[in-house]
Amino acid sequence: MRHFYLVDLFRGAAALVVLIWHYQHFYYGAPGGPPVFANRAEQPLYTLLAPLYEHGHAAVQFFWLISGFVLASRYASEKPTAAAFFRNRFARLYPLHFLTLLVVAGLQWLSLQTVGEFQIYRVNDLHHFVLNLFFASNWGFESAYSFNAPIWSVSIEVVIYAVFWLALPVLFRLSAVIPALIAAVCL
């Protein structure tokens, strides 16, 4: 498979933009209080980073677009078995997700023991831990964001992977026509 270095650069830039956008989300003056940076203009380096603070969430969609290009490039000429496809996706996503979930769960437990309540996301029970464990944290079974809430996009991505794999037999039959039609419908 051909490697697209410029795509890697764009993917890295999109990830950095999302990271900066989330910066504003995790600063609370006191447990249960409002975010310290509730007024975005008071955030560090706001004049320089204003576009990222205000519109950085759009980088998630851009990242998805790039991922779609990478997947399409990889699987345009072959249809792997379901086991091979999902094993590759799982190996790429799950180790970091699992480690992050354990770290966040541990920090939330520590917060509960230390200050008597959870930080940022208040719903951190066994039900939501299991949902997070199986990438199902945003499938409609949750009552609120929990643990590592930004994983919502990967939770949805897992469903999109299944749709992508199921669509592979017909997706590239007319070269780029069907993907272009799907993109137009989604817009």
N, C-alpha and C. Protein backbone atom coordinates (compact mmCIF):
# COMPACT_ATOMS: atom_id res chain seq x y z
N MET A 1 0.84 -1.19 0.00
CA MET A 1 0.00 0.00 0.00
C MET A 1 0.88 1.25 0.00
N ARG A 2 0.50 2.20 -0.77
CA ARG A 2 1.22 3.47 -0.86
C ARG A 2 1.03 4.27 0.43
N HIS A 3 2.09 4.92 0.88
CA HIS A 3 2.00 5.73 2.11
C HIS A 3 1.87 7.21 1.72
N PHE A 4 0.94 7.89 2.36
CA PHE A 4 0.69 9.30 2.08
C PHE A 4 1.20 10.15 3.25
N TYR A 5 2.38 10.69 3.12
CA TYR A 5 3.00 11.44 4.22
C TYR A 5 2.26 12.75 4.51
N LEU A 6 1.74 13.38 3.48
CA LEU A 6 0.99 14.61 3.68
C LEU A 6 -0.30 14.34 4.48
N VAL A 7 -0.89 13.18 4.23
CA VAL A 7 -2.08 12.78 5.00
C VAL A 7 -1.72 12.62 6.47
N ASP A 8 -0.56 12.03 6.74
CA ASP A 8 -0.09 11.90 8.14
C ASP A 8 0.07 13.27 8.78
N LEU A 9 0.61 14.22 8.02
CA LEU A 9 0.78 15.58 8.52
C LEU A 9 -0.58 16.20 8.86
N PHE A 10 -1.54 16.06 7.96
CA PHE A 10 -2.88 16.60 8.20
C PHE A 10 -3.55 15.91 9.39
N ARG A 11 -3.38 14.60 9.49
CA ARG A 11 -3.98 13.86 10.61
C ARG A 11 -3.37 14.32 11.93
N GLY A 12 -2.05 14.51 11.96
CA GLY A 12 -1.39 15.01 13.16
C GLY A 12 -1.85 16.41 13.52
N ALA A 13 -2.00 17.27 12.51
CA ALA A 13 -2.47 18.64 12.76
C ALA A 13 -3.90 18.62 13.31
N ALA A 14 -4.75 17.78 12.74
CA ALA A 14 -6.13 17.69 13.22
C ALA A 14 -6.16 17.20 14.67
N ALA A 15 -5.34 16.23 14.99
CA ALA A 15 -5.28 15.72 16.37
C ALA A 15 -4.81 16.82 17.33
N LEU A 16 -3.84 17.61 16.92
CA LEU A 16 -3.36 18.71 17.75
C LEU A 16 -4.44 19.76 17.95
N VAL A 17 -5.18 20.09 16.91
CA VAL A 17 -6.28 21.06 17.02
C VAL A 17 -7.33 20.56 18.00
N VAL A 18 -7.69 19.29 17.91
CA VAL A 18 -8.68 18.72 18.84
C VAL A 18 -8.15 18.77 20.27
N LEU A 19 -6.88 18.48 20.45
CA LEU A 19 -6.28 18.54 21.78
C LEU A 19 -6.37 19.95 22.35
N ILE A 20 -6.03 20.95 21.55
CA ILE A 20 -6.10 22.34 22.01
C ILE A 20 -7.55 22.73 22.30
N TRP A 21 -8.48 22.31 21.46
CA TRP A 21 -9.89 22.63 21.70
C TRP A 21 -10.36 22.02 23.02
N HIS A 22 -9.91 20.81 23.34
CA HIS A 22 -10.32 20.17 24.59
C HIS A 22 -9.68 20.83 25.81
N TYR A 23 -8.62 21.55 25.61
CA TYR A 23 -7.92 22.22 26.71
C TYR A 23 -8.90 23.03 27.57
N GLN A 24 -9.81 23.74 26.94
CA GLN A 24 -10.76 24.58 27.64
C GLN A 24 -11.77 23.77 28.46
N HIS A 25 -11.91 22.53 28.12
CA HIS A 25 -12.96 21.70 28.69
C HIS A 25 -12.60 21.11 30.06
N PHE A 26 -11.34 21.04 30.36
CA PHE A 26 -10.91 20.29 31.54
C PHE A 26 -10.43 21.14 32.71
N TYR A 27 -10.74 22.42 32.73
CA TYR A 27 -10.27 23.26 33.82
C TYR A 27 -11.42 23.78 34.67
N TYR A 28 -11.51 23.25 35.87
CA TYR A 28 -12.55 23.63 36.83
C TYR A 28 -11.87 24.17 38.07
N GLY A 29 -12.39 25.26 38.59
CA GLY A 29 -11.81 25.86 39.78
C GLY A 29 -12.03 25.04 41.03
N ALA A 30 -13.17 24.37 41.09
CA ALA A 30 -13.50 23.54 42.24
C ALA A 30 -14.40 22.41 41.77
N PRO A 31 -14.39 21.29 42.47
CA PRO A 31 -15.27 20.19 42.07
C PRO A 31 -16.72 20.67 42.02
N GLY A 32 -17.36 20.39 40.93
CA GLY A 32 -18.76 20.77 40.77
C GLY A 32 -18.96 22.20 40.31
N GLY A 33 -17.89 22.98 40.25
CA GLY A 33 -18.01 24.38 39.84
C GLY A 33 -17.95 24.54 38.33
N PRO A 34 -18.13 25.77 37.88
CA PRO A 34 -18.07 26.02 36.43
C PRO A 34 -16.62 25.95 35.95
N PRO A 35 -16.43 25.71 34.66
CA PRO A 35 -15.06 25.72 34.13
C PRO A 35 -14.40 27.07 34.39
N VAL A 36 -13.12 27.04 34.69
CA VAL A 36 -12.39 28.28 34.93
C VAL A 36 -12.42 29.14 33.68
N PHE A 37 -12.35 28.50 32.53
CA PHE A 37 -12.33 29.23 31.27
C PHE A 37 -13.70 29.25 30.62
N ALA A 38 -14.75 29.46 31.42
CA ALA A 38 -16.10 29.52 30.87
C ALA A 38 -16.19 30.62 29.81
N ASN A 39 -15.43 31.68 30.01
CA ASN A 39 -15.32 32.74 29.01
C ASN A 39 -14.08 32.43 28.18
N ARG A 40 -14.29 31.98 26.96
CA ARG A 40 -13.17 31.54 26.12
C ARG A 40 -12.11 32.63 25.94
N ALA A 41 -12.52 33.88 25.93
CA ALA A 41 -11.56 34.97 25.72
C ALA A 41 -10.53 35.07 26.84
N GLU A 42 -10.80 34.44 27.99
CA GLU A 42 -9.86 34.46 29.11
C GLU A 42 -8.87 33.30 29.06
N GLN A 43 -8.96 32.47 28.07
CA GLN A 43 -8.07 31.32 27.98
C GLN A 43 -6.67 31.74 27.57
N PRO A 44 -5.68 30.94 27.96
CA PRO A 44 -4.29 31.28 27.61
C PRO A 44 -4.09 31.41 26.10
N LEU A 45 -3.38 32.43 25.71
CA LEU A 45 -3.03 32.69 24.31
C LEU A 45 -4.26 32.79 23.41
N TYR A 46 -5.35 33.32 23.97
CA TYR A 46 -6.60 33.35 23.21
C TYR A 46 -6.45 34.09 21.89
N THR A 47 -5.78 35.22 21.89
CA THR A 47 -5.67 35.98 20.63
C THR A 47 -4.97 35.17 19.55
N LEU A 48 -4.03 34.34 19.94
CA LEU A 48 -3.31 33.50 18.99
C LEU A 48 -4.11 32.24 18.62
N LEU A 49 -4.77 31.64 19.62
CA LEU A 49 -5.43 30.35 19.43
C LEU A 49 -6.95 30.45 19.27
N ALA A 50 -7.48 31.65 19.14
CA ALA A 50 -8.93 31.84 19.06
C ALA A 50 -9.61 30.93 18.04
N PRO A 51 -9.10 30.81 16.82
CA PRO A 51 -9.79 29.92 15.87
C PRO A 51 -9.86 28.47 16.36
N LEU A 52 -8.84 28.04 17.08
CA LEU A 52 -8.84 26.66 17.58
C LEU A 52 -9.79 26.51 18.76
N TYR A 53 -9.82 27.50 19.65
CA TYR A 53 -10.75 27.45 20.78
C TYR A 53 -12.20 27.54 20.31
N GLU A 54 -12.45 28.31 19.29
CA GLU A 54 -13.83 28.53 18.83
C GLU A 54 -14.32 27.46 17.86
N HIS A 55 -13.43 26.93 17.03
CA HIS A 55 -13.88 26.02 15.97
C HIS A 55 -13.09 24.71 15.93
N GLY A 56 -12.30 24.45 16.92
CA GLY A 56 -11.46 23.26 16.92
C GLY A 56 -12.22 21.95 16.87
N HIS A 57 -13.47 21.96 17.32
CA HIS A 57 -14.28 20.75 17.29
C HIS A 57 -14.47 20.23 15.86
N ALA A 58 -14.39 21.11 14.87
CA ALA A 58 -14.55 20.70 13.47
C ALA A 58 -13.39 19.81 13.01
N ALA A 59 -12.29 19.84 13.73
CA ALA A 59 -11.16 18.99 13.36
C ALA A 59 -11.48 17.52 13.54
N VAL A 60 -12.47 17.19 14.38
CA VAL A 60 -12.89 15.79 14.53
C VAL A 60 -13.44 15.29 13.18
N GLN A 61 -14.31 16.08 12.56
CA GLN A 61 -14.86 15.68 11.27
C GLN A 61 -13.76 15.60 10.21
N PHE A 62 -12.81 16.54 10.25
CA PHE A 62 -11.69 16.51 9.32
C PHE A 62 -10.87 15.25 9.52
N PHE A 63 -10.63 14.89 10.77
CA PHE A 63 -9.89 13.67 11.09
C PHE A 63 -10.63 12.46 10.54
N TRP A 64 -11.95 12.44 10.69
CA TRP A 64 -12.75 11.34 10.15
C TRP A 64 -12.65 11.28 8.63
N LEU A 65 -12.67 12.43 7.99
CA LEU A 65 -12.53 12.49 6.53
C LEU A 65 -11.21 11.87 6.10
N ILE A 66 -10.14 12.24 6.78
CA ILE A 66 -8.82 11.69 6.47
C ILE A 66 -8.81 10.19 6.71
N SER A 67 -9.39 9.75 7.82
CA SER A 67 -9.44 8.31 8.12
C SER A 67 -10.21 7.57 7.04
N GLY A 68 -11.29 8.17 6.55
CA GLY A 68 -12.06 7.56 5.47
C GLY A 68 -11.21 7.40 4.21
N PHE A 69 -10.42 8.42 3.91
CA PHE A 69 -9.51 8.35 2.75
C PHE A 69 -8.50 7.22 2.94
N VAL A 70 -7.92 7.13 4.13
CA VAL A 70 -6.93 6.09 4.40
C VAL A 70 -7.56 4.70 4.27
N LEU A 71 -8.73 4.51 4.86
CA LEU A 71 -9.41 3.22 4.76
C LEU A 71 -9.77 2.89 3.32
N ALA A 72 -10.30 3.88 2.60
CA ALA A 72 -10.67 3.65 1.20
C ALA A 72 -9.43 3.29 0.38
N SER A 73 -8.33 3.97 0.62
CA SER A 73 -7.09 3.68 -0.11
C SER A 73 -6.61 2.26 0.19
N ARG A 74 -6.74 1.89 1.42
CA ARG A 74 -6.25 0.56 1.85
C ARG A 74 -7.12 -0.56 1.32
N TYR A 75 -8.44 -0.37 1.32
CA TYR A 75 -9.35 -1.47 1.01
C TYR A 75 -10.07 -1.33 -0.33
N ALA A 76 -9.66 -0.41 -1.18
CA ALA A 76 -10.32 -0.24 -2.48
C ALA A 76 -10.14 -1.46 -3.37
N SER A 77 -9.03 -2.13 -3.25
CA SER A 77 -8.76 -3.24 -4.15
C SER A 77 -8.92 -4.62 -3.52
N GLU A 78 -9.25 -4.67 -2.26
CA GLU A 78 -9.42 -5.97 -1.60
C GLU A 78 -10.50 -5.89 -0.53
N LYS A 79 -11.11 -7.02 -0.26
CA LYS A 79 -12.05 -7.09 0.85
C LYS A 79 -11.53 -8.13 1.82
N PRO A 80 -11.02 -7.67 2.94
CA PRO A 80 -10.50 -8.62 3.92
C PRO A 80 -11.65 -9.38 4.58
N THR A 81 -11.31 -10.45 5.24
CA THR A 81 -12.33 -11.15 6.03
C THR A 81 -12.75 -10.23 7.18
N ALA A 82 -13.92 -10.48 7.71
CA ALA A 82 -14.39 -9.68 8.84
C ALA A 82 -13.40 -9.77 10.00
N ALA A 83 -12.89 -10.98 10.25
CA ALA A 83 -11.95 -11.17 11.36
C ALA A 83 -10.68 -10.34 11.15
N ALA A 84 -10.13 -10.37 9.94
CA ALA A 84 -8.91 -9.61 9.68
C ALA A 84 -9.15 -8.11 9.78
N PHE A 85 -10.26 -7.64 9.20
CA PHE A 85 -10.57 -6.21 9.24
C PHE A 85 -10.73 -5.71 10.67
N PHE A 86 -11.54 -6.40 11.45
CA PHE A 86 -11.79 -5.94 12.82
C PHE A 86 -10.60 -6.16 13.74
N ARG A 87 -9.81 -7.18 13.47
CA ARG A 87 -8.58 -7.38 14.25
C ARG A 87 -7.63 -6.19 14.02
N ASN A 88 -7.50 -5.75 12.76
CA ASN A 88 -6.64 -4.60 12.46
C ASN A 88 -7.15 -3.33 13.12
N ARG A 89 -8.45 -3.09 13.07
CA ARG A 89 -9.03 -1.89 13.69
C ARG A 89 -8.87 -1.96 15.21
N PHE A 90 -9.15 -3.13 15.79
CA PHE A 90 -9.05 -3.33 17.24
C PHE A 90 -7.62 -3.08 17.71
N ALA A 91 -6.64 -3.65 17.00
CA ALA A 91 -5.24 -3.51 17.39
C ALA A 91 -4.79 -2.05 17.33
N ARG A 92 -5.39 -1.29 16.44
CA ARG A 92 -4.99 0.11 16.30
C ARG A 92 -5.62 0.99 17.40
N LEU A 93 -6.83 0.67 17.81
CA LEU A 93 -7.57 1.54 18.72
C LEU A 93 -7.58 1.09 20.18
N TYR A 94 -7.75 -0.21 20.41
CA TYR A 94 -8.10 -0.65 21.76
C TYR A 94 -6.99 -0.52 22.80
N PRO A 95 -5.74 -0.84 22.51
CA PRO A 95 -4.74 -0.74 23.60
C PRO A 95 -4.68 0.64 24.25
N LEU A 96 -4.63 1.69 23.46
CA LEU A 96 -4.59 3.04 24.04
C LEU A 96 -5.91 3.37 24.75
N HIS A 97 -7.02 2.97 24.15
CA HIS A 97 -8.32 3.21 24.78
C HIS A 97 -8.39 2.53 26.15
N PHE A 98 -7.98 1.28 26.21
CA PHE A 98 -8.06 0.52 27.46
C PHE A 98 -7.16 1.14 28.53
N LEU A 99 -5.93 1.48 28.15
CA LEU A 99 -5.01 2.11 29.10
C LEU A 99 -5.58 3.44 29.60
N THR A 100 -6.08 4.25 28.68
CA THR A 100 -6.66 5.54 29.06
C THR A 100 -7.86 5.35 29.99
N LEU A 101 -8.71 4.39 29.68
CA LEU A 101 -9.88 4.12 30.52
C LEU A 101 -9.45 3.73 31.93
N LEU A 102 -8.46 2.87 32.05
CA LEU A 102 -7.98 2.46 33.38
C LEU A 102 -7.38 3.64 34.15
N VAL A 103 -6.60 4.46 33.46
CA VAL A 103 -5.99 5.63 34.12
C VAL A 103 -7.08 6.59 34.59
N VAL A 104 -8.03 6.90 33.72
CA VAL A 104 -9.10 7.83 34.08
C VAL A 104 -9.96 7.26 35.21
N ALA A 105 -10.29 5.97 35.13
CA ALA A 105 -11.08 5.34 36.20
C ALA A 105 -10.32 5.42 37.53
N GLY A 106 -9.02 5.17 37.48
CA GLY A 106 -8.21 5.27 38.70
C GLY A 106 -8.17 6.68 39.25
N LEU A 107 -8.03 7.66 38.36
CA LEU A 107 -8.01 9.06 38.80
C LEU A 107 -9.38 9.48 39.35
N GLN A 108 -10.44 9.01 38.74
CA GLN A 108 -11.78 9.34 39.25
C GLN A 108 -11.98 8.71 40.63
N TRP A 109 -11.54 7.47 40.81
CA TRP A 109 -11.64 6.82 42.12
C TRP A 109 -10.84 7.61 43.15
N LEU A 110 -9.62 8.02 42.76
CA LEU A 110 -8.78 8.81 43.66
C LEU A 110 -9.45 10.13 44.01
N SER A 111 -10.07 10.77 43.05
CA SER A 111 -10.79 12.02 43.31
C SER A 111 -11.94 11.79 44.28
N LEU A 112 -12.68 10.71 44.05
CA LEU A 112 -13.81 10.39 44.94
C LEU A 112 -13.31 10.18 46.38
N GLN A 113 -12.19 9.48 46.53
CA GLN A 113 -11.64 9.23 47.86
C GLN A 113 -11.08 10.50 48.50
N THR A 114 -10.51 11.37 47.68
CA THR A 114 -9.81 12.55 48.19
C THR A 114 -10.74 13.73 48.44
N VAL A 115 -11.57 14.07 47.45
CA VAL A 115 -12.42 15.26 47.58
C VAL A 115 -13.91 14.93 47.67
N GLY A 116 -14.25 13.65 47.59
CA GLY A 116 -15.63 13.24 47.79
C GLY A 116 -16.51 13.29 46.56
N GLU A 117 -15.94 13.59 45.41
CA GLU A 117 -16.73 13.57 44.17
C GLU A 117 -15.82 13.40 42.97
N PHE A 118 -16.47 13.01 41.86
CA PHE A 118 -15.73 12.83 40.61
C PHE A 118 -15.42 14.19 39.98
N GLN A 119 -14.45 14.20 39.10
CA GLN A 119 -14.08 15.40 38.38
C GLN A 119 -14.65 15.36 36.96
N ILE A 120 -15.08 16.47 36.47
CA ILE A 120 -15.54 16.73 35.11
C ILE A 120 -16.75 15.90 34.72
N TYR A 121 -16.61 14.58 34.64
CA TYR A 121 -17.74 13.71 34.29
C TYR A 121 -18.21 13.01 35.55
N ARG A 122 -19.45 13.25 35.90
CA ARG A 122 -19.98 12.80 37.20
C ARG A 122 -20.49 11.37 37.20
N VAL A 123 -20.76 10.80 36.03
CA VAL A 123 -21.38 9.46 35.97
C VAL A 123 -20.28 8.45 35.67
N ASN A 124 -19.73 7.88 36.72
CA ASN A 124 -18.62 6.93 36.59
C ASN A 124 -18.92 5.66 37.37
N ASP A 125 -19.96 4.98 36.94
CA ASP A 125 -20.37 3.76 37.62
C ASP A 125 -19.99 2.53 36.79
N LEU A 126 -20.33 1.34 37.29
CA LEU A 126 -19.97 0.09 36.61
C LEU A 126 -20.63 -0.01 35.24
N HIS A 127 -21.88 0.39 35.15
CA HIS A 127 -22.60 0.36 33.87
C HIS A 127 -21.85 1.15 32.80
N HIS A 128 -21.46 2.37 33.14
CA HIS A 128 -20.77 3.22 32.19
C HIS A 128 -19.33 2.75 31.93
N PHE A 129 -18.72 2.12 32.93
CA PHE A 129 -17.39 1.54 32.72
C PHE A 129 -17.47 0.43 31.68
N VAL A 130 -18.47 -0.43 31.80
CA VAL A 130 -18.64 -1.53 30.84
C VAL A 130 -18.93 -0.98 29.44
N LEU A 131 -19.77 0.06 29.35
CA LEU A 131 -20.03 0.69 28.06
C LEU A 131 -18.72 1.19 27.45
N ASN A 132 -17.92 1.87 28.25
CA ASN A 132 -16.63 2.37 27.77
C ASN A 132 -15.70 1.23 27.39
N LEU A 133 -15.71 0.19 28.18
CA LEU A 133 -14.84 -0.96 27.93
C LEU A 133 -15.08 -1.56 26.55
N PHE A 134 -16.34 -1.56 26.12
CA PHE A 134 -16.70 -2.16 24.83
C PHE A 134 -16.96 -1.11 23.74
N PHE A 135 -16.40 0.09 23.89
CA PHE A 135 -16.56 1.16 22.89
C PHE A 135 -18.02 1.52 22.67
N ALA A 136 -18.89 1.29 23.62
CA ALA A 136 -20.31 1.55 23.44
C ALA A 136 -20.77 2.77 24.25
N SER A 137 -19.84 3.64 24.57
CA SER A 137 -20.15 4.77 25.46
C SER A 137 -21.06 5.82 24.84
N ASN A 138 -21.31 5.75 23.55
CA ASN A 138 -22.18 6.74 22.92
C ASN A 138 -23.17 6.08 21.98
N TRP A 139 -23.67 4.92 22.36
CA TRP A 139 -24.62 4.18 21.53
C TRP A 139 -26.06 4.33 21.99
N GLY A 140 -26.30 5.20 22.96
CA GLY A 140 -27.66 5.42 23.44
C GLY A 140 -27.99 4.68 24.72
N PHE A 141 -27.05 3.91 25.25
CA PHE A 141 -27.28 3.17 26.50
C PHE A 141 -26.77 3.96 27.71
N GLU A 142 -26.13 5.09 27.46
CA GLU A 142 -25.54 5.90 28.52
C GLU A 142 -26.55 6.93 29.03
N SER A 143 -26.35 7.35 30.27
CA SER A 143 -27.23 8.40 30.81
C SER A 143 -26.54 9.76 30.75
N ALA A 144 -25.22 9.77 30.56
CA ALA A 144 -24.46 11.02 30.47
C ALA A 144 -23.04 10.66 30.05
N TYR A 145 -22.24 11.68 29.79
CA TYR A 145 -20.83 11.42 29.53
C TYR A 145 -20.20 10.83 30.78
N SER A 146 -19.22 9.96 30.57
CA SER A 146 -18.57 9.31 31.71
C SER A 146 -17.11 9.05 31.38
N PHE A 147 -16.34 8.84 32.43
CA PHE A 147 -14.92 8.50 32.32
C PHE A 147 -14.23 9.36 31.27
N ASN A 148 -13.82 8.76 30.16
CA ASN A 148 -13.09 9.48 29.11
C ASN A 148 -14.08 9.85 28.00
N ALA A 149 -14.89 10.85 28.24
CA ALA A 149 -15.98 11.20 27.32
C ALA A 149 -15.54 11.50 25.90
N PRO A 150 -14.36 12.09 25.66
CA PRO A 150 -13.98 12.33 24.26
C PRO A 150 -13.89 11.06 23.41
N ILE A 151 -13.95 9.90 24.04
CA ILE A 151 -13.94 8.65 23.28
C ILE A 151 -15.26 8.44 22.53
N TRP A 152 -16.22 9.37 22.72
CA TRP A 152 -17.49 9.26 22.01
C TRP A 152 -17.27 9.08 20.52
N SER A 153 -16.29 9.79 19.95
CA SER A 153 -16.09 9.72 18.50
C SER A 153 -15.62 8.33 18.07
N VAL A 154 -14.80 7.69 18.89
CA VAL A 154 -14.35 6.34 18.56
C VAL A 154 -15.50 5.35 18.76
N SER A 155 -16.35 5.62 19.73
CA SER A 155 -17.53 4.79 19.94
C SER A 155 -18.40 4.76 18.68
N ILE A 156 -18.56 5.90 18.06
CA ILE A 156 -19.32 5.99 16.81
C ILE A 156 -18.51 5.41 15.65
N GLU A 157 -17.21 5.64 15.68
CA GLU A 157 -16.33 5.15 14.63
C GLU A 157 -16.40 3.63 14.49
N VAL A 158 -16.54 2.93 15.60
CA VAL A 158 -16.64 1.47 15.57
C VAL A 158 -17.87 1.04 14.76
N VAL A 159 -18.96 1.75 14.91
CA VAL A 159 -20.17 1.45 14.14
C VAL A 159 -19.91 1.75 12.66
N ILE A 160 -19.26 2.86 12.39
CA ILE A 160 -18.94 3.23 11.00
C ILE A 160 -18.03 2.19 10.37
N TYR A 161 -17.09 1.64 11.12
CA TYR A 161 -16.24 0.56 10.59
C TYR A 161 -17.08 -0.61 10.11
N ALA A 162 -18.07 -0.99 10.92
CA ALA A 162 -18.93 -2.11 10.53
C ALA A 162 -19.67 -1.80 9.24
N VAL A 163 -20.21 -0.59 9.14
CA VAL A 163 -20.92 -0.17 7.92
C VAL A 163 -19.96 -0.17 6.73
N PHE A 164 -18.76 0.35 6.94
CA PHE A 164 -17.76 0.38 5.87
C PHE A 164 -17.44 -1.02 5.38
N TRP A 165 -17.18 -1.94 6.31
CA TRP A 165 -16.84 -3.31 5.92
C TRP A 165 -18.00 -3.96 5.16
N LEU A 166 -19.23 -3.75 5.64
CA LEU A 166 -20.39 -4.32 4.96
C LEU A 166 -20.58 -3.72 3.57
N ALA A 167 -20.20 -2.46 3.39
CA ALA A 167 -20.37 -1.77 2.11
C ALA A 167 -19.25 -2.07 1.11
N LEU A 168 -18.15 -2.63 1.57
CA LEU A 168 -17.00 -2.85 0.69
C LEU A 168 -17.33 -3.59 -0.62
N PRO A 169 -18.18 -4.62 -0.62
CA PRO A 169 -18.43 -5.32 -1.88
C PRO A 169 -18.99 -4.43 -2.99
N VAL A 170 -19.72 -3.39 -2.65
CA VAL A 170 -20.31 -2.53 -3.68
C VAL A 170 -19.71 -1.13 -3.72
N LEU A 171 -18.93 -0.79 -2.72
CA LEU A 171 -18.46 0.58 -2.56
C LEU A 171 -17.64 1.09 -3.74
N PHE A 172 -16.80 0.26 -4.31
CA PHE A 172 -15.90 0.72 -5.36
C PHE A 172 -16.22 0.12 -6.73
N ARG A 173 -17.41 -0.43 -6.90
CA ARG A 173 -17.78 -1.04 -8.18
C ARG A 173 -17.70 -0.06 -9.34
N LEU A 174 -18.07 1.17 -9.12
CA LEU A 174 -18.03 2.19 -10.17
C LEU A 174 -16.93 3.20 -9.89
N SER A 175 -15.79 2.69 -9.46
CA SER A 175 -14.64 3.53 -9.13
C SER A 175 -15.01 4.47 -7.99
N ALA A 176 -14.92 5.77 -8.20
CA ALA A 176 -15.17 6.74 -7.13
C ALA A 176 -16.60 7.26 -7.15
N VAL A 177 -17.44 6.78 -8.06
CA VAL A 177 -18.80 7.32 -8.19
C VAL A 177 -19.64 7.06 -6.94
N ILE A 178 -19.65 5.83 -6.46
CA ILE A 178 -20.48 5.50 -5.28
C ILE A 178 -19.98 6.23 -4.04
N PRO A 179 -18.66 6.22 -3.74
CA PRO A 179 -18.21 7.01 -2.59
C PRO A 179 -18.57 8.50 -2.71
N ALA A 180 -18.48 9.05 -3.93
CA ALA A 180 -18.83 10.46 -4.12
C ALA A 180 -20.32 10.70 -3.87
N LEU A 181 -21.16 9.77 -4.31
CA LEU A 181 -22.61 9.90 -4.06
C LEU A 181 -22.92 9.80 -2.56
N ILE A 182 -22.26 8.87 -1.90
CA ILE A 182 -22.46 8.73 -0.44
C ILE A 182 -22.04 10.01 0.27
N ALA A 183 -20.90 10.57 -0.13
CA ALA A 183 -20.42 11.82 0.49
C ALA A 183 -21.41 12.94 0.25
N ALA A 184 -21.96 13.03 -0.95
CA ALA A 184 -22.94 14.08 -1.26
C ALA A 184 -24.20 13.93 -0.43
N VAL A 185 -24.66 12.70 -0.26
CA VAL A 185 -25.85 12.46 0.57
C VAL A 185 -25.57 12.84 2.03
N CYS A 186 -24.40 12.48 2.50
CA CYS A 186 -24.06 12.80 3.89
C CYS A 186 -23.94 14.31 4.13
N LEU A 187 -23.48 15.04 3.12
CA LEU A 187 -23.41 16.50 3.27
C LEU A 187 -24.79 17.09 3.41
